[in-house]
Amino acid sequence: MTLSKDATPRGRSSGAPSSIDIEALKRKYAEERAKRLRPDGINQYSRLVGRFAHYAEDPYTPLTPRPPKTDHVTFAFVGGGFAGLVTGARLKEAGVEDVRIIEKGGDFGGTWYWNRYPGAQCDTASFVYMPLLEETGHMPTEKYAHAAEILEHCQRIGKQFGLYDHALFHTEVTELRWLEDRGVR
């Protein structure tokens, strides 16, 4: 490509397009979206069971049997990944002590708890991807952190903000019920 004196590639306009047909653009996006959607929606997916059930057994943390929990907490989150950890941490900072994270795995980490294969790492820069770095005082060791470091950071968040206190690990939520008489789930 050769550039003219004004650093504009020859044969191209240096200005913005004079007009964009917004409605045509919306129609094109709608057409492309329709190609990806299936009429069976979520029913297109199979439940992973048997030898394909990634979460059937936890290869990392032994299951510790415990009696069922029947207590009440102000906030409960399903999932111990970044969303549950960050929201739980912010609630604890705000003075809410009875925060519960319910996690199918044996510890915090979400995706990073389960995916520990050799060489696994994030494809987004650590400083952008990893939450609560300033609050925990953690400095990522690499621009693109490896899975083990991200998992350790999730555990660091859980410890620093006291999220382990009420967490339920190796617990799967299979049903939620509204208790009309008490106005709670």
N, C-alpha and C. Protein backbone atom coordinates (compact mmCIF):
# COMPACT_ATOMS: atom_id res chain seq x y z
N MET A 1 0.85 -1.16 0.00
CA MET A 1 0.00 0.00 0.00
C MET A 1 0.90 1.23 0.00
N THR A 2 0.59 2.18 -0.82
CA THR A 2 1.36 3.43 -0.85
C THR A 2 0.52 4.54 -0.26
N LEU A 3 1.18 5.46 0.40
CA LEU A 3 0.48 6.56 1.04
C LEU A 3 0.80 7.85 0.32
N SER A 4 -0.20 8.72 0.21
CA SER A 4 0.03 10.04 -0.36
C SER A 4 0.58 10.95 0.71
N LYS A 5 0.84 12.21 0.34
CA LYS A 5 1.42 13.15 1.29
C LYS A 5 0.58 13.31 2.56
N ASP A 6 -0.74 13.22 2.41
CA ASP A 6 -1.59 13.39 3.59
C ASP A 6 -1.81 12.07 4.35
N ALA A 7 -1.02 11.04 4.06
CA ALA A 7 -1.05 9.73 4.73
C ALA A 7 -2.37 9.01 4.56
N THR A 8 -3.07 9.31 3.48
CA THR A 8 -4.30 8.58 3.16
C THR A 8 -3.98 7.58 2.07
N PRO A 9 -4.33 6.31 2.25
CA PRO A 9 -4.05 5.34 1.19
C PRO A 9 -4.65 5.82 -0.13
N ARG A 10 -3.87 5.73 -1.21
CA ARG A 10 -4.35 6.17 -2.51
C ARG A 10 -5.58 5.40 -2.92
N GLY A 11 -6.51 6.12 -3.50
CA GLY A 11 -7.73 5.49 -3.98
C GLY A 11 -8.81 5.36 -2.92
N ARG A 12 -8.54 5.81 -1.70
CA ARG A 12 -9.54 5.72 -0.64
C ARG A 12 -9.89 7.12 -0.16
N SER A 13 -11.09 7.27 0.29
CA SER A 13 -11.54 8.55 0.83
C SER A 13 -10.96 8.73 2.22
N SER A 14 -10.59 9.95 2.55
CA SER A 14 -10.04 10.21 3.89
C SER A 14 -11.14 10.54 4.88
N GLY A 15 -12.36 10.73 4.43
CA GLY A 15 -13.46 11.07 5.33
C GLY A 15 -14.29 9.88 5.72
N ALA A 16 -15.22 10.11 6.63
CA ALA A 16 -16.14 9.08 7.07
C ALA A 16 -17.19 8.85 5.99
N PRO A 17 -17.83 7.69 5.99
CA PRO A 17 -18.89 7.47 5.01
C PRO A 17 -19.92 8.58 5.08
N SER A 18 -20.42 8.98 3.93
CA SER A 18 -21.36 10.09 3.91
C SER A 18 -22.70 9.71 4.53
N SER A 19 -23.11 8.45 4.37
CA SER A 19 -24.35 8.03 5.01
C SER A 19 -24.33 6.52 5.22
N ILE A 20 -24.99 6.11 6.27
CA ILE A 20 -25.11 4.68 6.58
C ILE A 20 -26.59 4.38 6.67
N ASP A 21 -27.01 3.34 5.99
CA ASP A 21 -28.42 2.93 6.04
C ASP A 21 -28.61 2.07 7.29
N ILE A 22 -29.00 2.71 8.37
CA ILE A 22 -29.14 2.03 9.67
C ILE A 22 -30.16 0.90 9.59
N GLU A 23 -31.26 1.13 8.93
CA GLU A 23 -32.29 0.10 8.84
C GLU A 23 -31.80 -1.12 8.07
N ALA A 24 -31.04 -0.91 7.00
CA ALA A 24 -30.48 -2.03 6.23
C ALA A 24 -29.47 -2.78 7.10
N LEU A 25 -28.69 -2.06 7.88
CA LEU A 25 -27.71 -2.68 8.77
C LEU A 25 -28.42 -3.53 9.83
N LYS A 26 -29.50 -3.01 10.40
CA LYS A 26 -30.27 -3.78 11.38
C LYS A 26 -30.86 -5.04 10.76
N ARG A 27 -31.37 -4.92 9.52
CA ARG A 27 -31.92 -6.09 8.84
C ARG A 27 -30.85 -7.15 8.63
N LYS A 28 -29.64 -6.72 8.24
CA LYS A 28 -28.54 -7.66 8.00
C LYS A 28 -28.16 -8.38 9.30
N TYR A 29 -28.07 -7.64 10.41
CA TYR A 29 -27.76 -8.26 11.69
C TYR A 29 -28.85 -9.25 12.09
N ALA A 30 -30.12 -8.89 11.86
CA ALA A 30 -31.23 -9.79 12.18
C ALA A 30 -31.16 -11.06 11.35
N GLU A 31 -30.80 -10.94 10.07
CA GLU A 31 -30.65 -12.11 9.20
C GLU A 31 -29.54 -13.03 9.71
N GLU A 32 -28.41 -12.46 10.09
CA GLU A 32 -27.28 -13.26 10.59
C GLU A 32 -27.64 -13.93 11.91
N ARG A 33 -28.35 -13.23 12.79
CA ARG A 33 -28.79 -13.80 14.06
C ARG A 33 -29.71 -14.98 13.82
N ALA A 34 -30.64 -14.81 12.88
CA ALA A 34 -31.60 -15.88 12.58
C ALA A 34 -30.89 -17.14 12.10
N LYS A 35 -29.76 -17.01 11.45
CA LYS A 35 -29.00 -18.18 10.98
C LYS A 35 -28.44 -18.98 12.16
N ARG A 36 -28.16 -18.30 13.28
CA ARG A 36 -27.55 -18.97 14.44
C ARG A 36 -28.58 -19.59 15.37
N LEU A 37 -29.81 -19.07 15.38
CA LEU A 37 -30.82 -19.56 16.30
C LEU A 37 -31.51 -20.81 15.78
N ARG A 38 -31.86 -21.67 16.69
CA ARG A 38 -32.58 -22.88 16.33
C ARG A 38 -33.95 -22.84 16.99
N PRO A 39 -34.95 -23.41 16.32
CA PRO A 39 -36.29 -23.37 16.90
C PRO A 39 -36.41 -24.15 18.21
N ASP A 40 -35.53 -25.13 18.43
CA ASP A 40 -35.61 -25.91 19.67
C ASP A 40 -34.88 -25.25 20.83
N GLY A 41 -34.27 -24.10 20.60
CA GLY A 41 -33.65 -23.32 21.68
C GLY A 41 -32.75 -24.14 22.57
N ILE A 42 -32.93 -24.01 23.87
CA ILE A 42 -32.08 -24.70 24.84
C ILE A 42 -32.27 -26.22 24.79
N ASN A 43 -33.40 -26.67 24.25
CA ASN A 43 -33.66 -28.11 24.16
C ASN A 43 -32.73 -28.81 23.17
N GLN A 44 -31.96 -28.04 22.41
CA GLN A 44 -31.00 -28.64 21.48
C GLN A 44 -29.83 -29.29 22.22
N TYR A 45 -29.65 -28.93 23.48
CA TYR A 45 -28.51 -29.44 24.24
C TYR A 45 -28.89 -30.69 25.03
N SER A 46 -27.95 -31.61 25.13
CA SER A 46 -28.15 -32.83 25.89
C SER A 46 -27.58 -32.66 27.29
N ARG A 47 -28.22 -33.27 28.26
CA ARG A 47 -27.68 -33.27 29.62
C ARG A 47 -26.52 -34.25 29.65
N LEU A 48 -25.41 -33.80 30.17
CA LEU A 48 -24.23 -34.65 30.22
C LEU A 48 -24.32 -35.57 31.44
N VAL A 49 -24.39 -36.84 31.16
CA VAL A 49 -24.48 -37.83 32.22
C VAL A 49 -23.51 -38.97 31.93
N GLY A 50 -23.36 -39.84 32.90
CA GLY A 50 -22.48 -40.98 32.72
C GLY A 50 -21.03 -40.56 32.51
N ARG A 51 -20.37 -41.20 31.57
CA ARG A 51 -18.95 -40.93 31.37
C ARG A 51 -18.68 -39.55 30.78
N PHE A 52 -19.73 -38.88 30.28
CA PHE A 52 -19.57 -37.55 29.73
C PHE A 52 -19.85 -36.45 30.75
N ALA A 53 -20.25 -36.81 31.93
CA ALA A 53 -20.59 -35.83 32.95
C ALA A 53 -19.32 -35.30 33.60
N HIS A 54 -18.86 -34.16 33.11
CA HIS A 54 -17.64 -33.53 33.62
C HIS A 54 -17.72 -33.30 35.12
N TYR A 55 -18.90 -32.94 35.60
CA TYR A 55 -19.06 -32.59 36.99
C TYR A 55 -19.56 -33.75 37.86
N ALA A 56 -19.68 -34.91 37.27
CA ALA A 56 -20.23 -36.04 38.03
C ALA A 56 -19.38 -36.34 39.26
N GLU A 57 -18.10 -36.33 39.10
CA GLU A 57 -17.20 -36.56 40.22
C GLU A 57 -16.14 -35.48 40.20
N ASP A 58 -15.77 -35.03 41.36
CA ASP A 58 -14.77 -33.97 41.47
C ASP A 58 -13.40 -34.61 41.65
N PRO A 59 -12.53 -34.52 40.65
CA PRO A 59 -11.22 -35.14 40.75
C PRO A 59 -10.23 -34.35 41.61
N TYR A 60 -10.62 -33.15 42.05
CA TYR A 60 -9.67 -32.27 42.74
C TYR A 60 -9.88 -32.18 44.24
N THR A 61 -11.11 -32.30 44.69
CA THR A 61 -11.41 -32.13 46.11
C THR A 61 -12.32 -33.26 46.56
N PRO A 62 -11.93 -34.01 47.57
CA PRO A 62 -12.80 -35.10 48.04
C PRO A 62 -14.11 -34.55 48.60
N LEU A 63 -15.16 -35.28 48.36
CA LEU A 63 -16.48 -34.91 48.85
C LEU A 63 -16.54 -35.15 50.35
N THR A 64 -16.97 -34.14 51.08
CA THR A 64 -17.14 -34.26 52.53
C THR A 64 -18.63 -34.21 52.83
N PRO A 65 -19.22 -35.34 53.19
CA PRO A 65 -20.66 -35.35 53.47
C PRO A 65 -21.00 -34.39 54.61
N ARG A 66 -22.17 -33.77 54.51
CA ARG A 66 -22.66 -32.87 55.55
C ARG A 66 -24.17 -32.95 55.56
N PRO A 67 -24.78 -32.62 56.68
CA PRO A 67 -26.25 -32.62 56.72
C PRO A 67 -26.79 -31.48 55.85
N PRO A 68 -28.03 -31.59 55.41
CA PRO A 68 -28.63 -30.52 54.61
C PRO A 68 -28.70 -29.20 55.39
N LYS A 69 -28.57 -28.10 54.67
CA LYS A 69 -28.68 -26.77 55.28
C LYS A 69 -30.12 -26.31 55.14
N THR A 70 -30.69 -25.82 56.21
CA THR A 70 -32.06 -25.33 56.17
C THR A 70 -32.15 -23.91 56.74
N ASP A 71 -31.01 -23.23 56.86
CA ASP A 71 -31.01 -21.89 57.43
C ASP A 71 -31.39 -20.84 56.38
N HIS A 72 -31.43 -19.61 56.79
CA HIS A 72 -31.78 -18.50 55.90
C HIS A 72 -30.59 -17.55 55.80
N VAL A 73 -30.29 -17.09 54.59
CA VAL A 73 -29.28 -16.06 54.38
C VAL A 73 -29.92 -14.92 53.59
N THR A 74 -29.34 -13.74 53.72
CA THR A 74 -29.88 -12.58 53.02
C THR A 74 -29.63 -12.70 51.52
N PHE A 75 -28.43 -13.14 51.14
CA PHE A 75 -28.08 -13.30 49.73
C PHE A 75 -27.47 -14.67 49.50
N ALA A 76 -27.94 -15.34 48.47
CA ALA A 76 -27.36 -16.63 48.06
C ALA A 76 -27.11 -16.56 46.56
N PHE A 77 -25.96 -17.01 46.16
CA PHE A 77 -25.57 -17.02 44.75
C PHE A 77 -25.26 -18.43 44.31
N VAL A 78 -25.71 -18.77 43.13
CA VAL A 78 -25.40 -20.07 42.57
C VAL A 78 -24.20 -19.88 41.67
N GLY A 79 -23.08 -20.46 42.07
CA GLY A 79 -21.85 -20.39 41.28
C GLY A 79 -20.76 -19.62 41.99
N GLY A 80 -19.60 -20.26 42.10
CA GLY A 80 -18.46 -19.67 42.80
C GLY A 80 -17.39 -19.14 41.87
N GLY A 81 -17.79 -18.70 40.69
CA GLY A 81 -16.85 -18.07 39.77
C GLY A 81 -16.75 -16.58 40.06
N PHE A 82 -16.23 -15.84 39.08
CA PHE A 82 -15.99 -14.41 39.29
C PHE A 82 -17.25 -13.64 39.68
N ALA A 83 -18.37 -13.90 39.04
CA ALA A 83 -19.59 -13.13 39.33
C ALA A 83 -20.02 -13.31 40.78
N GLY A 84 -20.07 -14.55 41.25
CA GLY A 84 -20.45 -14.80 42.63
C GLY A 84 -19.45 -14.24 43.62
N LEU A 85 -18.16 -14.39 43.30
CA LEU A 85 -17.12 -13.89 44.20
C LEU A 85 -17.12 -12.37 44.31
N VAL A 86 -17.20 -11.69 43.19
CA VAL A 86 -17.16 -10.23 43.21
C VAL A 86 -18.41 -9.67 43.89
N THR A 87 -19.57 -10.21 43.56
CA THR A 87 -20.79 -9.73 44.19
C THR A 87 -20.77 -10.02 45.68
N GLY A 88 -20.35 -11.21 46.04
CA GLY A 88 -20.24 -11.55 47.46
C GLY A 88 -19.26 -10.65 48.19
N ALA A 89 -18.12 -10.38 47.57
CA ALA A 89 -17.11 -9.50 48.19
C ALA A 89 -17.67 -8.10 48.40
N ARG A 90 -18.36 -7.58 47.41
CA ARG A 90 -18.92 -6.22 47.52
C ARG A 90 -20.00 -6.16 48.61
N LEU A 91 -20.79 -7.21 48.73
CA LEU A 91 -21.79 -7.25 49.79
C LEU A 91 -21.13 -7.29 51.17
N LYS A 92 -20.09 -8.09 51.28
CA LYS A 92 -19.36 -8.16 52.56
C LYS A 92 -18.76 -6.79 52.90
N GLU A 93 -18.22 -6.11 51.89
CA GLU A 93 -17.68 -4.76 52.11
C GLU A 93 -18.77 -3.81 52.60
N ALA A 94 -20.00 -4.03 52.13
CA ALA A 94 -21.13 -3.18 52.51
C ALA A 94 -21.71 -3.56 53.87
N GLY A 95 -21.14 -4.59 54.51
CA GLY A 95 -21.58 -4.97 55.84
C GLY A 95 -22.57 -6.12 55.90
N VAL A 96 -22.85 -6.74 54.75
CA VAL A 96 -23.77 -7.89 54.75
C VAL A 96 -22.94 -9.13 55.08
N GLU A 97 -23.22 -9.73 56.20
CA GLU A 97 -22.41 -10.86 56.65
C GLU A 97 -22.92 -12.22 56.19
N ASP A 98 -24.23 -12.35 55.99
CA ASP A 98 -24.77 -13.66 55.65
C ASP A 98 -24.94 -13.82 54.13
N VAL A 99 -23.79 -13.93 53.47
CA VAL A 99 -23.72 -14.14 52.02
C VAL A 99 -23.33 -15.60 51.80
N ARG A 100 -24.10 -16.30 50.97
CA ARG A 100 -23.79 -17.70 50.71
C ARG A 100 -23.56 -17.92 49.23
N ILE A 101 -22.47 -18.59 48.91
CA ILE A 101 -22.20 -19.01 47.54
C ILE A 101 -22.35 -20.52 47.49
N ILE A 102 -23.17 -20.96 46.56
CA ILE A 102 -23.44 -22.40 46.39
C ILE A 102 -22.73 -22.83 45.12
N GLU A 103 -21.82 -23.77 45.24
CA GLU A 103 -20.94 -24.15 44.13
C GLU A 103 -20.90 -25.66 43.97
N LYS A 104 -21.06 -26.10 42.73
CA LYS A 104 -21.04 -27.53 42.43
C LYS A 104 -19.65 -28.15 42.62
N GLY A 105 -18.63 -27.35 42.40
CA GLY A 105 -17.26 -27.83 42.58
C GLY A 105 -16.85 -27.82 44.04
N GLY A 106 -15.65 -28.25 44.30
CA GLY A 106 -15.14 -28.36 45.66
C GLY A 106 -14.50 -27.10 46.20
N ASP A 107 -14.49 -26.00 45.43
CA ASP A 107 -13.88 -24.75 45.88
C ASP A 107 -14.34 -23.64 44.93
N PHE A 108 -13.95 -22.43 45.24
CA PHE A 108 -14.24 -21.31 44.36
C PHE A 108 -13.41 -21.42 43.09
N GLY A 109 -13.83 -20.71 42.08
CA GLY A 109 -13.04 -20.65 40.85
C GLY A 109 -13.84 -20.81 39.58
N GLY A 110 -15.03 -21.42 39.66
CA GLY A 110 -15.84 -21.60 38.45
C GLY A 110 -15.07 -22.36 37.38
N THR A 111 -14.99 -21.79 36.22
CA THR A 111 -14.27 -22.40 35.09
C THR A 111 -12.85 -22.78 35.47
N TRP A 112 -12.22 -21.93 36.24
CA TRP A 112 -10.81 -22.16 36.60
C TRP A 112 -10.64 -23.24 37.66
N TYR A 113 -11.70 -23.61 38.33
CA TYR A 113 -11.63 -24.76 39.24
C TYR A 113 -11.56 -26.04 38.42
N TRP A 114 -12.40 -26.13 37.38
CA TRP A 114 -12.51 -27.36 36.61
C TRP A 114 -11.43 -27.50 35.55
N ASN A 115 -11.04 -26.43 34.92
CA ASN A 115 -10.11 -26.52 33.79
C ASN A 115 -8.67 -26.32 34.24
N ARG A 116 -8.00 -27.43 34.50
CA ARG A 116 -6.63 -27.39 35.00
C ARG A 116 -5.68 -28.14 34.08
N TYR A 117 -6.04 -28.25 32.83
CA TYR A 117 -5.19 -29.00 31.91
C TYR A 117 -3.87 -28.25 31.68
N PRO A 118 -2.82 -28.96 31.32
CA PRO A 118 -1.50 -28.34 31.16
C PRO A 118 -1.52 -27.21 30.15
N GLY A 119 -0.98 -26.07 30.55
CA GLY A 119 -0.87 -24.93 29.66
C GLY A 119 -2.10 -24.04 29.62
N ALA A 120 -3.16 -24.40 30.34
CA ALA A 120 -4.38 -23.59 30.32
C ALA A 120 -4.09 -22.19 30.85
N GLN A 121 -4.52 -21.20 30.10
CA GLN A 121 -4.36 -19.83 30.55
C GLN A 121 -5.42 -18.96 29.90
N CYS A 122 -5.59 -17.78 30.45
CA CYS A 122 -6.60 -16.85 29.96
C CYS A 122 -6.09 -16.15 28.71
N ASP A 123 -6.99 -15.87 27.78
CA ASP A 123 -6.60 -15.17 26.55
C ASP A 123 -6.90 -13.68 26.62
N THR A 124 -7.22 -13.19 27.81
CA THR A 124 -7.44 -11.76 28.04
C THR A 124 -6.37 -11.32 29.04
N ALA A 125 -5.88 -10.12 28.87
CA ALA A 125 -4.83 -9.61 29.76
C ALA A 125 -5.27 -9.69 31.22
N SER A 126 -4.38 -10.19 32.06
CA SER A 126 -4.68 -10.43 33.47
C SER A 126 -5.22 -9.20 34.19
N PHE A 127 -4.66 -8.04 33.91
CA PHE A 127 -5.08 -6.82 34.60
C PHE A 127 -6.51 -6.43 34.24
N VAL A 128 -6.97 -6.88 33.10
CA VAL A 128 -8.34 -6.61 32.67
C VAL A 128 -9.26 -7.72 33.17
N TYR A 129 -8.80 -8.94 33.12
CA TYR A 129 -9.64 -10.10 33.38
C TYR A 129 -9.84 -10.41 34.86
N MET A 130 -8.79 -10.34 35.64
CA MET A 130 -8.86 -10.78 37.04
C MET A 130 -9.45 -9.68 37.92
N PRO A 131 -10.54 -9.99 38.62
CA PRO A 131 -11.18 -8.95 39.44
C PRO A 131 -10.49 -8.75 40.79
N LEU A 132 -10.76 -7.61 41.38
CA LEU A 132 -10.35 -7.27 42.75
C LEU A 132 -8.85 -7.36 42.97
N LEU A 133 -8.07 -7.03 41.97
CA LEU A 133 -6.60 -7.06 42.12
C LEU A 133 -6.14 -6.05 43.16
N GLU A 134 -6.64 -4.83 43.05
CA GLU A 134 -6.23 -3.79 44.00
C GLU A 134 -6.66 -4.15 45.42
N GLU A 135 -7.88 -4.64 45.55
CA GLU A 135 -8.42 -4.96 46.87
C GLU A 135 -7.65 -6.10 47.54
N THR A 136 -7.17 -7.04 46.75
CA THR A 136 -6.44 -8.18 47.33
C THR A 136 -4.94 -7.95 47.36
N GLY A 137 -4.47 -6.93 46.67
CA GLY A 137 -3.03 -6.66 46.62
C GLY A 137 -2.28 -7.64 45.73
N HIS A 138 -2.98 -8.34 44.86
CA HIS A 138 -2.33 -9.32 44.00
C HIS A 138 -1.83 -8.68 42.71
N MET A 139 -0.64 -9.02 42.32
CA MET A 139 -0.06 -8.58 41.05
C MET A 139 0.13 -9.81 40.18
N PRO A 140 -0.62 -9.92 39.07
CA PRO A 140 -0.45 -11.09 38.20
C PRO A 140 1.00 -11.25 37.76
N THR A 141 1.43 -12.49 37.65
CA THR A 141 2.83 -12.76 37.30
C THR A 141 3.08 -12.70 35.80
N GLU A 142 2.00 -12.78 35.00
CA GLU A 142 2.14 -12.76 33.55
C GLU A 142 1.03 -11.91 32.94
N LYS A 143 1.27 -11.42 31.73
CA LYS A 143 0.24 -10.66 31.04
C LYS A 143 -1.01 -11.53 30.85
N TYR A 144 -0.83 -12.79 30.50
CA TYR A 144 -1.92 -13.74 30.32
C TYR A 144 -1.74 -14.84 31.36
N ALA A 145 -2.45 -14.71 32.46
CA ALA A 145 -2.26 -15.61 33.60
C ALA A 145 -2.63 -17.04 33.26
N HIS A 146 -1.88 -17.96 33.84
CA HIS A 146 -2.19 -19.38 33.72
C HIS A 146 -3.32 -19.74 34.68
N ALA A 147 -3.98 -20.85 34.38
CA ALA A 147 -5.15 -21.29 35.14
C ALA A 147 -4.88 -21.40 36.63
N ALA A 148 -3.75 -21.94 37.02
CA ALA A 148 -3.46 -22.13 38.44
C ALA A 148 -3.43 -20.80 39.19
N GLU A 149 -2.87 -19.77 38.57
CA GLU A 149 -2.81 -18.46 39.22
C GLU A 149 -4.21 -17.85 39.34
N ILE A 150 -5.03 -18.05 38.33
CA ILE A 150 -6.40 -17.51 38.38
C ILE A 150 -7.20 -18.23 39.46
N LEU A 151 -7.05 -19.55 39.55
CA LEU A 151 -7.73 -20.31 40.60
C LEU A 151 -7.28 -19.83 41.98
N GLU A 152 -5.98 -19.66 42.16
CA GLU A 152 -5.47 -19.16 43.44
C GLU A 152 -6.04 -17.79 43.77
N HIS A 153 -6.21 -16.97 42.75
CA HIS A 153 -6.78 -15.63 42.98
C HIS A 153 -8.24 -15.74 43.43
N CYS A 154 -8.98 -16.65 42.83
CA CYS A 154 -10.37 -16.87 43.26
C CYS A 154 -10.40 -17.28 44.73
N GLN A 155 -9.52 -18.16 45.12
CA GLN A 155 -9.45 -18.61 46.51
C GLN A 155 -9.01 -17.47 47.43
N ARG A 156 -8.12 -16.63 46.94
CA ARG A 156 -7.66 -15.45 47.70
C ARG A 156 -8.85 -14.53 47.98
N ILE A 157 -9.67 -14.30 46.98
CA ILE A 157 -10.87 -13.45 47.16
C ILE A 157 -11.78 -14.07 48.21
N GLY A 158 -12.02 -15.39 48.09
CA GLY A 158 -12.88 -16.07 49.05
C GLY A 158 -12.37 -15.94 50.47
N LYS A 159 -11.05 -16.07 50.67
CA LYS A 159 -10.47 -15.96 52.01
C LYS A 159 -10.53 -14.53 52.52
N GLN A 160 -10.08 -13.59 51.70
CA GLN A 160 -9.98 -12.20 52.15
C GLN A 160 -11.34 -11.62 52.53
N PHE A 161 -12.37 -12.01 51.81
CA PHE A 161 -13.69 -11.44 52.07
C PHE A 161 -14.58 -12.34 52.92
N GLY A 162 -14.02 -13.41 53.46
CA GLY A 162 -14.78 -14.28 54.36
C GLY A 162 -15.92 -15.03 53.67
N LEU A 163 -15.76 -15.31 52.39
CA LEU A 163 -16.81 -15.99 51.65
C LEU A 163 -16.84 -17.49 51.88
N TYR A 164 -15.78 -18.03 52.44
CA TYR A 164 -15.76 -19.46 52.78
C TYR A 164 -16.68 -19.76 53.97
N ASP A 165 -16.91 -18.75 54.81
CA ASP A 165 -17.68 -18.96 56.04
C ASP A 165 -19.04 -19.61 55.81
N HIS A 166 -19.77 -19.19 54.78
CA HIS A 166 -21.11 -19.71 54.54
C HIS A 166 -21.23 -20.47 53.22
N ALA A 167 -20.11 -20.68 52.53
CA ALA A 167 -20.16 -21.33 51.22
C ALA A 167 -20.58 -22.79 51.34
N LEU A 168 -21.26 -23.27 50.32
CA LEU A 168 -21.62 -24.69 50.23
C LEU A 168 -20.98 -25.22 48.95
N PHE A 169 -19.98 -26.06 49.11
CA PHE A 169 -19.30 -26.67 47.96
C PHE A 169 -19.87 -28.06 47.72
N HIS A 170 -19.58 -28.59 46.55
CA HIS A 170 -20.13 -29.88 46.13
C HIS A 170 -21.64 -29.89 46.32
N THR A 171 -22.25 -28.77 45.96
CA THR A 171 -23.70 -28.61 46.12
C THR A 171 -24.29 -28.12 44.82
N GLU A 172 -25.29 -28.84 44.35
CA GLU A 172 -25.96 -28.47 43.11
C GLU A 172 -27.37 -27.99 43.42
N VAL A 173 -27.73 -26.84 42.88
CA VAL A 173 -29.09 -26.34 43.05
C VAL A 173 -29.94 -27.00 41.98
N THR A 174 -30.95 -27.72 42.41
CA THR A 174 -31.83 -28.40 41.45
C THR A 174 -33.23 -27.82 41.45
N GLU A 175 -33.54 -27.00 42.45
CA GLU A 175 -34.88 -26.43 42.52
C GLU A 175 -34.88 -25.22 43.45
N LEU A 176 -35.69 -24.23 43.10
CA LEU A 176 -35.94 -23.09 43.98
C LEU A 176 -37.44 -22.98 44.15
N ARG A 177 -37.88 -22.72 45.36
CA ARG A 177 -39.31 -22.58 45.63
C ARG A 177 -39.57 -21.29 46.38
N TRP A 178 -40.62 -20.58 45.98
CA TRP A 178 -41.05 -19.38 46.68
C TRP A 178 -41.95 -19.80 47.83
N LEU A 179 -41.63 -19.34 49.04
CA LEU A 179 -42.44 -19.65 50.20
C LEU A 179 -43.34 -18.45 50.45
N GLU A 180 -44.53 -18.53 49.93
CA GLU A 180 -45.48 -17.40 49.97
C GLU A 180 -45.71 -16.90 51.38
N ASP A 181 -45.90 -17.81 52.33
CA ASP A 181 -46.20 -17.40 53.71
C ASP A 181 -45.07 -16.63 54.37
N ARG A 182 -43.83 -16.86 53.92
CA ARG A 182 -42.67 -16.16 54.50
C ARG A 182 -42.11 -15.09 53.57
N GLY A 183 -42.55 -15.09 52.31
CA GLY A 183 -42.05 -14.10 51.36
C GLY A 183 -40.59 -14.29 51.00
N VAL A 184 -40.13 -15.55 50.98
CA VAL A 184 -38.73 -15.85 50.68
C VAL A 184 -38.63 -17.08 49.80
N ARG A 185 -37.44 -17.29 49.28
CA ARG A 185 -37.14 -18.54 48.55
C ARG A 185 -36.43 -19.45 49.47
